[in-house]
Amino acid sequence: PGESFGLYVTSTLGDVAVAAYRVGSYGGRGARLVWQSPEPLKGT
């Protein structure tokens, strides 16, 4: 927790939005949104 990791993405569909979901129970929903990129990443 708190460490960083590198994310490597290829896209031919344009810029890429990233959202991180933690898997769990959450009242039957199955996951919780913990983080999302403030703006889409450059798609390359």
Full PDB file with SEQRES, HELIX, SHEET, SSBOND, CRYST1, ORIGX, SCALE, CONECT and MASTER records, all heavy atoms in Angstrom:
SEQRES   1 A   44  PRO GLY GLU SER PHE GLY LEU TYR VAL THR SER THR LEU          
SEQRES   2 A   44  GLY ASP VAL ALA VAL ALA ALA TYR ARG VAL GLY SER TYR          
SEQRES   3 A   44  GLY GLY ARG GLY ALA ARG LEU VAL TRP GLN SER PRO GLU          
SEQRES   4 A   44  PRO LEU LYS GLY THR                                          
HELIX    1 AA1 TYR A   26  GLY A   28  5                                   3    
SHEET    1 AA1 2 ALA A  19  VAL A  23  0                                        
SHEET    2 AA1 2 ALA A  31  GLN A  36 -1                                        
CRYST1    1.000    1.000    1.000  90.00  90.00  90.00 P 1           1          
ORIGX1      1.000000  0.000000  0.000000        0.00000                         
ORIGX2      0.000000  1.000000  0.000000        0.00000                         
ORIGX3      0.000000  0.000000  1.000000        0.00000                         
SCALE1      1.000000  0.000000  0.000000        0.00000                         
SCALE2      0.000000  1.000000  0.000000        0.00000                         
SCALE3      0.000000  0.000000  1.000000        0.00000                         
ATOM      1  N   PRO A   1       0.831  -1.211   0.000  1.00  0.00           N  
ATOM      2  CA  PRO A   1       0.000   0.000   0.000  1.00  0.00           C  
ATOM      3  C   PRO A   1       0.865   1.261   0.000  1.00  0.00           C  
ATOM      4  O   PRO A   1       1.805   1.380   0.782  1.00  0.00           O  
ATOM      5  CB  PRO A   1      -0.794  -0.127   1.311  1.00  0.00           C  
ATOM      6  CG  PRO A   1      -0.852  -1.596   1.579  1.00  0.00           C  
ATOM      7  CD  PRO A   1       0.466  -2.133   1.101  1.00  0.00           C  
ATOM      8  N   GLY A   2       0.562   2.163  -0.896  1.00  0.00           N  
ATOM      9  CA  GLY A   2       1.306   3.405  -1.006  1.00  0.00           C  
ATOM     10  C   GLY A   2       2.417   3.383  -2.033  1.00  0.00           C  
ATOM     11  O   GLY A   2       2.882   4.444  -2.466  1.00  0.00           O  
ATOM     12  N   GLU A   3       2.870   2.198  -2.438  1.00  0.00           N  
ATOM     13  CA  GLU A   3       3.909   2.112  -3.457  1.00  0.00           C  
ATOM     14  C   GLU A   3       3.331   2.429  -4.834  1.00  0.00           C  
ATOM     15  O   GLU A   3       2.127   2.336  -5.063  1.00  0.00           O  
ATOM     16  CB  GLU A   3       4.542   0.728  -3.468  1.00  0.00           C  
ATOM     17  CG  GLU A   3       5.413   0.438  -2.263  1.00  0.00           C  
ATOM     18  CD  GLU A   3       6.108  -0.913  -2.360  1.00  0.00           C  
ATOM     19  OE1 GLU A   3       5.642  -1.779  -3.122  1.00  0.00           O  
ATOM     20  OE2 GLU A   3       7.123  -1.097  -1.651  1.00  0.00           O  
ATOM     21  N   SER A   4       4.215   2.758  -5.766  1.00  0.00           N  
ATOM     22  CA  SER A   4       3.815   3.039  -7.138  1.00  0.00           C  
ATOM     23  C   SER A   4       4.163   1.864  -8.044  1.00  0.00           C  
ATOM     24  O   SER A   4       5.035   1.054  -7.734  1.00  0.00           O  
ATOM     25  CB  SER A   4       4.505   4.306  -7.651  1.00  0.00           C  
ATOM     26  OG  SER A   4       4.104   5.437  -6.911  1.00  0.00           O  
ATOM     27  N   PHE A   5       3.474   1.785  -9.149  1.00  0.00           N  
ATOM     28  CA  PHE A   5       3.800   0.800 -10.178  1.00  0.00           C  
ATOM     29  C   PHE A   5       3.712   1.478 -11.541  1.00  0.00           C  
ATOM     30  O   PHE A   5       3.019   2.488 -11.722  1.00  0.00           O  
ATOM     31  CB  PHE A   5       2.853  -0.402 -10.120  1.00  0.00           C  
ATOM     32  CG  PHE A   5       1.405  -0.078 -10.388  1.00  0.00           C  
ATOM     33  CD1 PHE A   5       0.880  -0.137 -11.679  1.00  0.00           C  
ATOM     34  CD2 PHE A   5       0.559   0.290  -9.350  1.00  0.00           C  
ATOM     35  CE1 PHE A   5      -0.446   0.166 -11.930  1.00  0.00           C  
ATOM     36  CE2 PHE A   5      -0.777   0.589  -9.590  1.00  0.00           C  
ATOM     37  CZ  PHE A   5      -1.285   0.529 -10.884  1.00  0.00           C  
ATOM     38  N   GLY A   6       4.416   0.907 -12.500  1.00  0.00           N  
ATOM     39  CA  GLY A   6       4.353   1.417 -13.851  1.00  0.00           C  
ATOM     40  C   GLY A   6       3.246   0.736 -14.634  1.00  0.00           C  
ATOM     41  O   GLY A   6       3.062  -0.478 -14.550  1.00  0.00           O  
ATOM     42  N   LEU A   7       2.492   1.523 -15.397  1.00  0.00           N  
ATOM     43  CA  LEU A   7       1.417   1.013 -16.234  1.00  0.00           C  
ATOM     44  C   LEU A   7       1.801   1.197 -17.697  1.00  0.00           C  
ATOM     45  O   LEU A   7       2.189   2.300 -18.110  1.00  0.00           O  
ATOM     46  CB  LEU A   7       0.113   1.746 -15.927  1.00  0.00           C  
ATOM     47  CG  LEU A   7      -1.139   1.295 -16.680  1.00  0.00           C  
ATOM     48  CD1 LEU A   7      -1.481  -0.153 -16.346  1.00  0.00           C  
ATOM     49  CD2 LEU A   7      -2.326   2.206 -16.352  1.00  0.00           C  
ATOM     50  N   TYR A   8       1.695   0.119 -18.463  1.00  0.00           N  
ATOM     51  CA  TYR A   8       2.087   0.117 -19.867  1.00  0.00           C  
ATOM     52  C   TYR A   8       0.847  -0.193 -20.695  1.00  0.00           C  
ATOM     53  O   TYR A   8       0.220  -1.248 -20.516  1.00  0.00           O  
ATOM     54  CB  TYR A   8       3.167  -0.930 -20.112  1.00  0.00           C  
ATOM     55  CG  TYR A   8       4.451  -0.684 -19.354  1.00  0.00           C  
ATOM     56  CD1 TYR A   8       4.509  -0.857 -17.976  1.00  0.00           C  
ATOM     57  CD2 TYR A   8       5.606  -0.273 -20.019  1.00  0.00           C  
ATOM     58  CE1 TYR A   8       5.689  -0.623 -17.266  1.00  0.00           C  
ATOM     59  CE2 TYR A   8       6.799  -0.037 -19.323  1.00  0.00           C  
ATOM     60  CZ  TYR A   8       6.818  -0.215 -17.947  1.00  0.00           C  
ATOM     61  OH  TYR A   8       7.991   0.026 -17.253  1.00  0.00           O  
ATOM     62  N   VAL A   9       0.486   0.725 -21.625  1.00  0.00           N  
ATOM     63  CA  VAL A   9      -0.768   0.602 -22.353  1.00  0.00           C  
ATOM     64  C   VAL A   9      -0.531   0.842 -23.842  1.00  0.00           C  
ATOM     65  O   VAL A   9       0.230   1.735 -24.226  1.00  0.00           O  
ATOM     66  CB  VAL A   9      -1.817   1.611 -21.836  1.00  0.00           C  
ATOM     67  CG1 VAL A   9      -3.110   1.510 -22.635  1.00  0.00           C  
ATOM     68  CG2 VAL A   9      -2.082   1.392 -20.351  1.00  0.00           C  
ATOM     69  N   THR A  10      -1.200   0.035 -24.657  1.00  0.00           N  
ATOM     70  CA  THR A  10      -1.272   0.300 -26.090  1.00  0.00           C  
ATOM     71  C   THR A  10      -2.719   0.578 -26.459  1.00  0.00           C  
ATOM     72  O   THR A  10      -3.630  -0.084 -25.945  1.00  0.00           O  
ATOM     73  CB  THR A  10      -0.731  -0.870 -26.919  1.00  0.00           C  
ATOM     74  OG1 THR A  10      -0.713  -0.500 -28.314  1.00  0.00           O  
ATOM     75  CG2 THR A  10      -1.557  -2.129 -26.756  1.00  0.00           C  
ATOM     76  N   SER A  11      -2.953   1.558 -27.338  1.00  0.00           N  
ATOM     77  CA  SER A  11      -4.314   1.888 -27.746  1.00  0.00           C  
ATOM     78  C   SER A  11      -4.329   2.415 -29.178  1.00  0.00           C  
ATOM     79  O   SER A  11      -3.545   3.300 -29.518  1.00  0.00           O  
ATOM     80  CB  SER A  11      -4.918   2.945 -26.814  1.00  0.00           C  
ATOM     81  OG  SER A  11      -6.180   3.376 -27.292  1.00  0.00           O  
ATOM     82  N   THR A  12      -5.222   1.866 -29.964  1.00  0.00           N  
ATOM     83  CA  THR A  12      -5.507   2.424 -31.285  1.00  0.00           C  
ATOM     84  C   THR A  12      -6.879   3.083 -31.296  1.00  0.00           C  
ATOM     85  O   THR A  12      -7.388   3.452 -32.355  1.00  0.00           O  
ATOM     86  CB  THR A  12      -5.463   1.313 -32.357  1.00  0.00           C  
ATOM     87  OG1 THR A  12      -6.426   0.310 -32.042  1.00  0.00           O  
ATOM     88  CG2 THR A  12      -4.070   0.696 -32.432  1.00  0.00           C  
ATOM     89  N   LEU A  13      -7.472   3.216 -30.116  1.00  0.00           N  
ATOM     90  CA  LEU A  13      -8.813   3.770 -29.981  1.00  0.00           C  
ATOM     91  C   LEU A  13      -8.811   5.170 -29.374  1.00  0.00           C  
ATOM     92  O   LEU A  13      -9.874   5.704 -29.050  1.00  0.00           O  
ATOM     93  CB  LEU A  13      -9.676   2.850 -29.108  1.00  0.00           C  
ATOM     94  CG  LEU A  13      -9.872   1.416 -29.609  1.00  0.00           C  
ATOM     95  CD1 LEU A  13     -10.686   0.611 -28.606  1.00  0.00           C  
ATOM     96  CD2 LEU A  13     -10.549   1.412 -30.970  1.00  0.00           C  
ATOM     97  N   GLY A  14      -7.639   5.760 -29.209  1.00  0.00           N  
ATOM     98  CA  GLY A  14      -7.562   7.084 -28.618  1.00  0.00           C  
ATOM     99  C   GLY A  14      -7.086   7.037 -27.180  1.00  0.00           C  
ATOM    100  O   GLY A  14      -6.539   6.026 -26.711  1.00  0.00           O  
ATOM    101  N   ASP A  15      -7.287   8.143 -26.476  1.00  0.00           N  
ATOM    102  CA  ASP A  15      -6.817   8.256 -25.108  1.00  0.00           C  
ATOM    103  C   ASP A  15      -7.550   7.281 -24.192  1.00  0.00           C  
ATOM    104  O   ASP A  15      -8.675   6.845 -24.481  1.00  0.00           O  
ATOM    105  CB  ASP A  15      -6.998   9.687 -24.608  1.00  0.00           C  
ATOM    106  CG  ASP A  15      -6.063  10.660 -25.332  1.00  0.00           C  
ATOM    107  OD1 ASP A  15      -5.157  10.186 -26.052  1.00  0.00           O  
ATOM    108  OD2 ASP A  15      -6.258  11.878 -25.189  1.00  0.00           O  
ATOM    109  N   VAL A  16      -6.901   6.963 -23.064  1.00  0.00           N  
ATOM    110  CA  VAL A  16      -7.344   5.850 -22.228  1.00  0.00           C  
ATOM    111  C   VAL A  16      -7.676   6.328 -20.814  1.00  0.00           C  
ATOM    112  O   VAL A  16      -6.826   6.901 -20.120  1.00  0.00           O  
ATOM    113  CB  VAL A  16      -6.263   4.757 -22.155  1.00  0.00           C  
ATOM    114  CG1 VAL A  16      -6.752   3.571 -21.324  1.00  0.00           C  
ATOM    115  CG2 VAL A  16      -5.857   4.296 -23.556  1.00  0.00           C  
ATOM    116  N   ALA A  17      -8.899   6.089 -20.380  1.00  0.00           N  
ATOM    117  CA  ALA A  17      -9.286   6.337 -18.992  1.00  0.00           C  
ATOM    118  C   ALA A  17      -8.956   5.082 -18.179  1.00  0.00           C  
ATOM    119  O   ALA A  17      -9.158   3.961 -18.639  1.00  0.00           O  
ATOM    120  CB  ALA A  17     -10.764   6.655 -18.898  1.00  0.00           C  
ATOM    121  N   VAL A  18      -8.458   5.291 -16.963  1.00  0.00           N  
ATOM    122  CA  VAL A  18      -8.072   4.184 -16.101  1.00  0.00           C  
ATOM    123  C   VAL A  18      -8.813   4.308 -14.777  1.00  0.00           C  
ATOM    124  O   VAL A  18      -8.826   5.383 -14.161  1.00  0.00           O  
ATOM    125  CB  VAL A  18      -6.555   4.157 -15.847  1.00  0.00           C  
ATOM    126  CG1 VAL A  18      -6.177   2.916 -15.033  1.00  0.00           C  
ATOM    127  CG2 VAL A  18      -5.784   4.190 -17.153  1.00  0.00           C  
ATOM    128  N   ALA A  19      -9.419   3.219 -14.333  1.00  0.00           N  
ATOM    129  CA  ALA A  19     -10.088   3.182 -13.029  1.00  0.00           C  
ATOM    130  C   ALA A  19      -9.646   1.932 -12.293  1.00  0.00           C  
ATOM    131  O   ALA A  19      -9.547   0.853 -12.888  1.00  0.00           O  
ATOM    132  CB  ALA A  19     -11.604   3.196 -13.190  1.00  0.00           C  
ATOM    133  N   ALA A  20      -9.355   2.063 -10.998  1.00  0.00           N  
ATOM    134  CA  ALA A  20      -8.910   0.938 -10.176  1.00  0.00           C  
ATOM    135  C   ALA A  20     -10.042   0.519  -9.257  1.00  0.00           C  
ATOM    136  O   ALA A  20     -10.545   1.315  -8.454  1.00  0.00           O  
ATOM    137  CB  ALA A  20      -7.685   1.321  -9.359  1.00  0.00           C  
ATOM    138  N   TYR A  21     -10.441  -0.754  -9.364  1.00  0.00           N  
ATOM    139  CA  TYR A  21     -11.526  -1.303  -8.563  1.00  0.00           C  
ATOM    140  C   TYR A  21     -10.974  -2.393  -7.645  1.00  0.00           C  
ATOM    141  O   TYR A  21     -10.291  -3.313  -8.095  1.00  0.00           O  
ATOM    142  CB  TYR A  21     -12.604  -1.904  -9.459  1.00  0.00           C  
ATOM    143  CG  TYR A  21     -13.298  -0.890 -10.331  1.00  0.00           C  
ATOM    144  CD1 TYR A  21     -12.848  -0.635 -11.624  1.00  0.00           C  
ATOM    145  CD2 TYR A  21     -14.404  -0.187  -9.868  1.00  0.00           C  
ATOM    146  CE1 TYR A  21     -13.476   0.298 -12.438  1.00  0.00           C  
ATOM    147  CE2 TYR A  21     -15.054   0.751 -10.669  1.00  0.00           C  
ATOM    148  CZ  TYR A  21     -14.575   0.995 -11.947  1.00  0.00           C  
ATOM    149  OH  TYR A  21     -15.210   1.925 -12.750  1.00  0.00           O  
ATOM    150  N   ARG A  22     -11.294  -2.284  -6.363  1.00  0.00           N  
ATOM    151  CA  ARG A  22     -10.911  -3.316  -5.407  1.00  0.00           C  
ATOM    152  C   ARG A  22     -12.032  -4.358  -5.339  1.00  0.00           C  
ATOM    153  O   ARG A  22     -13.202  -4.022  -5.126  1.00  0.00           O  
ATOM    154  CB  ARG A  22     -10.679  -2.723  -4.017  1.00  0.00           C  
ATOM    155  CG  ARG A  22     -10.216  -3.760  -3.003  1.00  0.00           C  
ATOM    156  CD  ARG A  22     -10.073  -3.185  -1.597  1.00  0.00           C  
ATOM    157  NE  ARG A  22      -9.611  -4.238  -0.691  1.00  0.00           N  
ATOM    158  CZ  ARG A  22     -10.412  -5.144  -0.128  1.00  0.00           C  
ATOM    159  NH1 ARG A  22     -11.718  -5.119  -0.362  1.00  0.00           N  
ATOM    160  NH2 ARG A  22      -9.908  -6.069   0.670  1.00  0.00           N  
ATOM    161  N   VAL A  23     -11.679  -5.625  -5.509  1.00  0.00           N  
ATOM    162  CA  VAL A  23     -12.662  -6.704  -5.504  1.00  0.00           C  
ATOM    163  C   VAL A  23     -13.059  -7.038  -4.077  1.00  0.00           C  
ATOM    164  O   VAL A  23     -12.207  -7.154  -3.184  1.00  0.00           O  
ATOM    165  CB  VAL A  23     -12.093  -7.950  -6.205  1.00  0.00           C  
ATOM    166  CG1 VAL A  23     -13.055  -9.124  -6.094  1.00  0.00           C  
ATOM    167  CG2 VAL A  23     -11.791  -7.643  -7.671  1.00  0.00           C  
ATOM    168  N   GLY A  24     -14.349  -7.193  -3.849  1.00  0.00           N  
ATOM    169  CA  GLY A  24     -14.844  -7.527  -2.514  1.00  0.00           C  
ATOM    170  C   GLY A  24     -16.304  -7.904  -2.563  1.00  0.00           C  
ATOM    171  O   GLY A  24     -16.833  -8.293  -3.607  1.00  0.00           O  
ATOM    172  N   SER A  25     -16.975  -7.765  -1.433  1.00  0.00           N  
ATOM    173  CA  SER A  25     -18.391  -8.079  -1.344  1.00  0.00           C  
ATOM    174  C   SER A  25     -19.230  -6.847  -1.659  1.00  0.00           C  
ATOM    175  O   SER A  25     -20.017  -6.844  -2.599  1.00  0.00           O  
ATOM    176  CB  SER A  25     -18.722  -8.609   0.054  1.00  0.00           C  
ATOM    177  OG  SER A  25     -20.104  -8.832   0.186  1.00  0.00           O  
ATOM    178  N   TYR A  26     -19.079  -5.807  -0.865  1.00  0.00           N  
ATOM    179  CA  TYR A  26     -19.700  -4.510  -1.108  1.00  0.00           C  
ATOM    180  C   TYR A  26     -21.196  -4.618  -1.398  1.00  0.00           C  
ATOM    181  O   TYR A  26     -21.699  -4.110  -2.405  1.00  0.00           O  
ATOM    182  CB  TYR A  26     -18.975  -3.769  -2.240  1.00  0.00           C  
ATOM    183  CG  TYR A  26     -17.512  -3.542  -1.947  1.00  0.00           C  
ATOM    184  CD1 TYR A  26     -16.537  -4.255  -2.637  1.00  0.00           C  
ATOM    185  CD2 TYR A  26     -17.114  -2.636  -0.967  1.00  0.00           C  
ATOM    186  CE1 TYR A  26     -15.190  -4.074  -2.360  1.00  0.00           C  
ATOM    187  CE2 TYR A  26     -15.770  -2.441  -0.685  1.00  0.00           C  
ATOM    188  CZ  TYR A  26     -14.812  -3.167  -1.379  1.00  0.00           C  
ATOM    189  OH  TYR A  26     -13.473  -2.978  -1.092  1.00  0.00           O  
ATOM    190  N   GLY A  27     -21.886  -5.317  -0.501  1.00  0.00           N  
ATOM    191  CA  GLY A  27     -23.329  -5.417  -0.631  1.00  0.00           C  
ATOM    192  C   GLY A  27     -23.798  -6.113  -1.885  1.00  0.00           C  
ATOM    193  O   GLY A  27     -24.903  -5.858  -2.364  1.00  0.00           O  
ATOM    194  N   GLY A  28     -22.971  -6.999  -2.413  1.00  0.00           N  
ATOM    195  CA  GLY A  28     -23.332  -7.727  -3.616  1.00  0.00           C  
ATOM    196  C   GLY A  28     -22.882  -7.074  -4.909  1.00  0.00           C  
ATOM    197  O   GLY A  28     -23.035  -7.671  -5.989  1.00  0.00           O  
ATOM    198  N   ARG A  29     -22.303  -5.875  -4.839  1.00  0.00           N  
ATOM    199  CA  ARG A  29     -21.832  -5.201  -6.045  1.00  0.00           C  
ATOM    200  C   ARG A  29     -20.550  -5.830  -6.592  1.00  0.00           C  
ATOM    201  O   ARG A  29     -20.284  -5.782  -7.780  1.00  0.00           O  
ATOM    202  CB  ARG A  29     -21.614  -3.713  -5.766  1.00  0.00           C  
ATOM    203  CG  ARG A  29     -22.892  -2.929  -5.522  1.00  0.00           C  
ATOM    204  CD  ARG A  29     -23.772  -2.888  -6.777  1.00  0.00           C  
ATOM    205  NE  ARG A  29     -24.951  -2.070  -6.640  1.00  0.00           N  
ATOM    206  CZ  ARG A  29     -25.019  -0.773  -6.900  1.00  0.00           C  
ATOM    207  NH1 ARG A  29     -23.930  -0.117  -7.275  1.00  0.00           N  
ATOM    208  NH2 ARG A  29     -26.157  -0.124  -6.772  1.00  0.00           N  
ATOM    209  N   GLY A  30     -19.716  -6.378  -5.716  1.00  0.00           N  
ATOM    210  CA  GLY A  30     -18.545  -7.121  -6.162  1.00  0.00           C  
ATOM    211  C   GLY A  30     -17.249  -6.359  -6.246  1.00  0.00           C  
ATOM    212  O   GLY A  30     -16.181  -6.974  -6.341  1.00  0.00           O  
ATOM    213  N   ALA A  31     -17.288  -5.023  -6.224  1.00  0.00           N  
ATOM    214  CA  ALA A  31     -16.054  -4.232  -6.289  1.00  0.00           C  
ATOM    215  C   ALA A  31     -16.358  -2.782  -5.921  1.00  0.00           C  
ATOM    216  O   ALA A  31     -17.512  -2.335  -5.991  1.00  0.00           O  
ATOM    217  CB  ALA A  31     -15.412  -4.311  -7.673  1.00  0.00           C  
ATOM    218  N   ARG A  32     -15.292  -2.074  -5.542  1.00  0.00           N  
ATOM    219  CA  ARG A  32     -15.422  -0.661  -5.180  1.00  0.00           C  
ATOM    220  C   ARG A  32     -14.406   0.159  -5.963  1.00  0.00           C  
ATOM    221  O   ARG A  32     -13.246  -0.247  -6.122  1.00  0.00           O  
ATOM    222  CB  ARG A  32     -15.175  -0.485  -3.675  1.00  0.00           C  
ATOM    223  CG  ARG A  32     -15.175   0.959  -3.200  1.00  0.00           C  
ATOM    224  CD  ARG A  32     -15.067   1.056  -1.696  1.00  0.00           C  
ATOM    225  NE  ARG A  32     -13.731   0.856  -1.175  1.00  0.00           N  
ATOM    226  CZ  ARG A  32     -12.810   1.822  -1.022  1.00  0.00           C  
ATOM    227  NH1 ARG A  32     -13.078   3.063  -1.400  1.00  0.00           N  
ATOM    228  NH2 ARG A  32     -11.628   1.545  -0.495  1.00  0.00           N  
ATOM    229  N   LEU A  33     -14.834   1.319  -6.461  1.00  0.00           N  
ATOM    230  CA  LEU A  33     -13.924   2.240  -7.134  1.00  0.00           C  
ATOM    231  C   LEU A  33     -13.021   2.895  -6.091  1.00  0.00           C  
ATOM    232  O   LEU A  33     -13.503   3.559  -5.170  1.00  0.00           O  
ATOM    233  CB  LEU A  33     -14.705   3.309  -7.884  1.00  0.00           C  
ATOM    234  CG  LEU A  33     -13.863   4.403  -8.559  1.00  0.00           C  
ATOM    235  CD1 LEU A  33     -12.992   3.816  -9.665  1.00  0.00           C  
ATOM    236  CD2 LEU A  33     -14.761   5.513  -9.113  1.00  0.00           C  
ATOM    237  N   VAL A  34     -11.711   2.696  -6.231  1.00  0.00           N  
ATOM    238  CA  VAL A  34     -10.741   3.244  -5.284  1.00  0.00           C  
ATOM    239  C   VAL A  34      -9.987   4.422  -5.888  1.00  0.00           C  
ATOM    240  O   VAL A  34      -9.598   5.351  -5.183  1.00  0.00           O  
ATOM    241  CB  VAL A  34      -9.757   2.133  -4.840  1.00  0.00           C  
ATOM    242  CG1 VAL A  34      -8.628   2.699  -3.987  1.00  0.00           C  
ATOM    243  CG2 VAL A  34     -10.496   1.058  -4.057  1.00  0.00           C  
ATOM    244  N   TRP A  35      -9.785   4.397  -7.187  1.00  0.00           N  
ATOM    245  CA  TRP A  35      -8.996   5.463  -7.845  1.00  0.00           C  
ATOM    246  C   TRP A  35      -9.357   5.514  -9.316  1.00  0.00           C  
ATOM    247  O   TRP A  35      -9.725   4.488  -9.909  1.00  0.00           O  
ATOM    248  CB  TRP A  35      -7.512   5.163  -7.692  1.00  0.00           C  
ATOM    249  CG  TRP A  35      -6.592   6.092  -8.445  1.00  0.00           C  
ATOM    250  CD1 TRP A  35      -6.092   7.276  -8.015  1.00  0.00           C  
ATOM    251  CD2 TRP A  35      -6.083   5.887  -9.772  1.00  0.00           C  
ATOM    252  NE1 TRP A  35      -5.306   7.834  -8.991  1.00  0.00           N  
ATOM    253  CE2 TRP A  35      -5.274   7.001 -10.074  1.00  0.00           C  
ATOM    254  CE3 TRP A  35      -6.231   4.876 -10.726  1.00  0.00           C  
ATOM    255  CZ2 TRP A  35      -4.607   7.128 -11.299  1.00  0.00           C  
ATOM    256  CZ3 TRP A  35      -5.580   4.998 -11.943  1.00  0.00           C  
ATOM    257  CH2 TRP A  35      -4.771   6.120 -12.223  1.00  0.00           C  
ATOM    258  N   GLN A  36      -9.266   6.700  -9.894  1.00  0.00           N  
ATOM    259  CA  GLN A  36      -9.362   6.828 -11.338  1.00  0.00           C  
ATOM    260  C   GLN A  36      -8.439   7.936 -11.812  1.00  0.00           C  
ATOM    261  O   GLN A  36      -8.156   8.882 -11.065  1.00  0.00           O  
ATOM    262  CB  GLN A  36     -10.799   7.079 -11.785  1.00  0.00           C  
ATOM    263  CG  GLN A  36     -11.484   8.264 -11.167  1.00  0.00           C  
ATOM    264  CD  GLN A  36     -12.961   8.303 -11.537  1.00  0.00           C  
ATOM    265  OE1 GLN A  36     -13.393   7.674 -12.511  1.00  0.00           O  
ATOM    266  NE2 GLN A  36     -13.746   9.032 -10.766  1.00  0.00           N  
ATOM    267  N   SER A  37      -7.958   7.822 -13.012  1.00  0.00           N  
ATOM    268  CA  SER A  37      -7.025   8.825 -13.542  1.00  0.00           C  
ATOM    269  C   SER A  37      -7.743  10.168 -13.646  1.00  0.00           C  
ATOM    270  O   SER A  37      -8.884  10.238 -14.114  1.00  0.00           O  
ATOM    271  CB  SER A  37      -6.510   8.391 -14.911  1.00  0.00           C  
ATOM    272  OG  SER A  37      -7.577   8.102 -15.794  1.00  0.00           O  
ATOM    273  N   PRO A  38      -7.088  11.242 -13.182  1.00  0.00           N  
ATOM    274  CA  PRO A  38      -7.733  12.556 -13.229  1.00  0.00           C  
ATOM    275  C   PRO A  38      -8.153  12.951 -14.640  1.00  0.00           C  
ATOM    276  O   PRO A  38      -9.155  13.648 -14.834  1.00  0.00           O  
ATOM    277  CB  PRO A  38      -6.645  13.496 -12.694  1.00  0.00           C  
ATOM    278  CG  PRO A  38      -5.731  12.618 -11.896  1.00  0.00           C  
ATOM    279  CD  PRO A  38      -5.759  11.285 -12.581  1.00  0.00           C  
ATOM    280  N   GLU A  39      -7.395  12.515 -15.619  1.00  0.00           N  
ATOM    281  CA  GLU A  39      -7.729  12.751 -17.018  1.00  0.00           C  
ATOM    282  C   GLU A  39      -7.231  11.552 -17.827  1.00  0.00           C  
ATOM    283  O   GLU A  39      -6.343  10.820 -17.375  1.00  0.00           O  
ATOM    284  CB  GLU A  39      -7.101  14.033 -17.528  1.00  0.00           C  
ATOM    285  CG  GLU A  39      -5.598  14.091 -17.369  1.00  0.00           C  
ATOM    286  CD  GLU A  39      -5.038  15.453 -17.744  1.00  0.00           C  
ATOM    287  OE1 GLU A  39      -5.749  16.457 -17.591  1.00  0.00           O  
ATOM    288  OE2 GLU A  39      -3.880  15.481 -18.202  1.00  0.00           O  
ATOM    289  N   PRO A  40      -7.786  11.317 -18.985  1.00  0.00           N  
ATOM    290  CA  PRO A  40      -7.351  10.161 -19.768  1.00  0.00           C  
ATOM    291  C   PRO A  40      -5.859  10.218 -20.088  1.00  0.00           C  
ATOM    292  O   PRO A  40      -5.285  11.295 -20.280  1.00  0.00           O  
ATOM    293  CB  PRO A  40      -8.201  10.260 -21.038  1.00  0.00           C  
ATOM    294  CG  PRO A  40      -9.419  11.026 -20.620  1.00  0.00           C  
ATOM    295  CD  PRO A  40      -8.927  12.018 -19.598  1.00  0.00           C  
ATOM    296  N   LEU A  41      -5.258   9.026 -20.136  1.00  0.00           N  
ATOM    297  CA  LEU A  41      -3.854   8.930 -20.508  1.00  0.00           C  
ATOM    298  C   LEU A  41      -3.719   8.963 -22.025  1.00  0.00           C  
ATOM    299  O   LEU A  41      -4.608   8.519 -22.758  1.00  0.00           O  
ATOM    300  CB  LEU A  41      -3.264   7.623 -19.972  1.00  0.00           C  
ATOM    301  CG  LEU A  41      -3.419   7.367 -18.474  1.00  0.00           C  
ATOM    302  CD1 LEU A  41      -2.804   6.012 -18.104  1.00  0.00           C  
ATOM    303  CD2 LEU A  41      -2.806   8.488 -17.655  1.00  0.00           C  
ATOM    304  N   LYS A  42      -2.599   9.505 -22.494  1.00  0.00           N  
ATOM    305  CA  LYS A  42      -2.362   9.596 -23.927  1.00  0.00           C  
ATOM    306  C   LYS A  42      -2.352   8.199 -24.542  1.00  0.00           C  
ATOM    307  O   LYS A  42      -1.568   7.319 -24.148  1.00  0.00           O  
ATOM    308  CB  LYS A  42      -1.029  10.279 -24.189  1.00  0.00           C  
ATOM    309  CG  LYS A  42      -0.671  10.420 -25.665  1.00  0.00           C  
ATOM    310  CD  LYS A  42      -1.642  11.340 -26.390  1.00  0.00           C  
ATOM    311  CE  LYS A  42      -1.236  11.536 -27.841  1.00  0.00           C  
ATOM    312  NZ  LYS A  42      -2.222  12.370 -28.586  1.00  0.00           N  
ATOM    313  N   GLY A  43      -3.239   7.970 -25.504  1.00  0.00           N  
ATOM    314  CA  GLY A  43      -3.306   6.678 -26.163  1.00  0.00           C  
ATOM    315  C   GLY A  43      -2.309   6.578 -27.304  1.00  0.00           C  
ATOM    316  O   GLY A  43      -2.312   7.417 -28.211  1.00  0.00           O  
ATOM    317  N   THR A  44      -1.471   5.554 -27.261  1.00  0.00           N  
ATOM    318  CA  THR A  44      -0.424   5.367 -28.263  1.00  0.00           C  
ATOM    319  C   THR A  44      -0.373   3.906 -28.683  1.00  0.00           C  
ATOM    320  O   THR A  44      -0.503   3.018 -27.835  1.00  0.00           O  
ATOM    321  CB  THR A  44       0.957   5.766 -27.697  1.00  0.00           C  
ATOM    322  OG1 THR A  44       0.904   7.118 -27.239  1.00  0.00           O  
ATOM    323  CG2 THR A  44       2.050   5.612 -28.743  1.00  0.00           C  
TER     324      THR A  44                                                      
MASTER        0    0    0    1    2    0    0    6  323    1    0    4          
END                                                                             
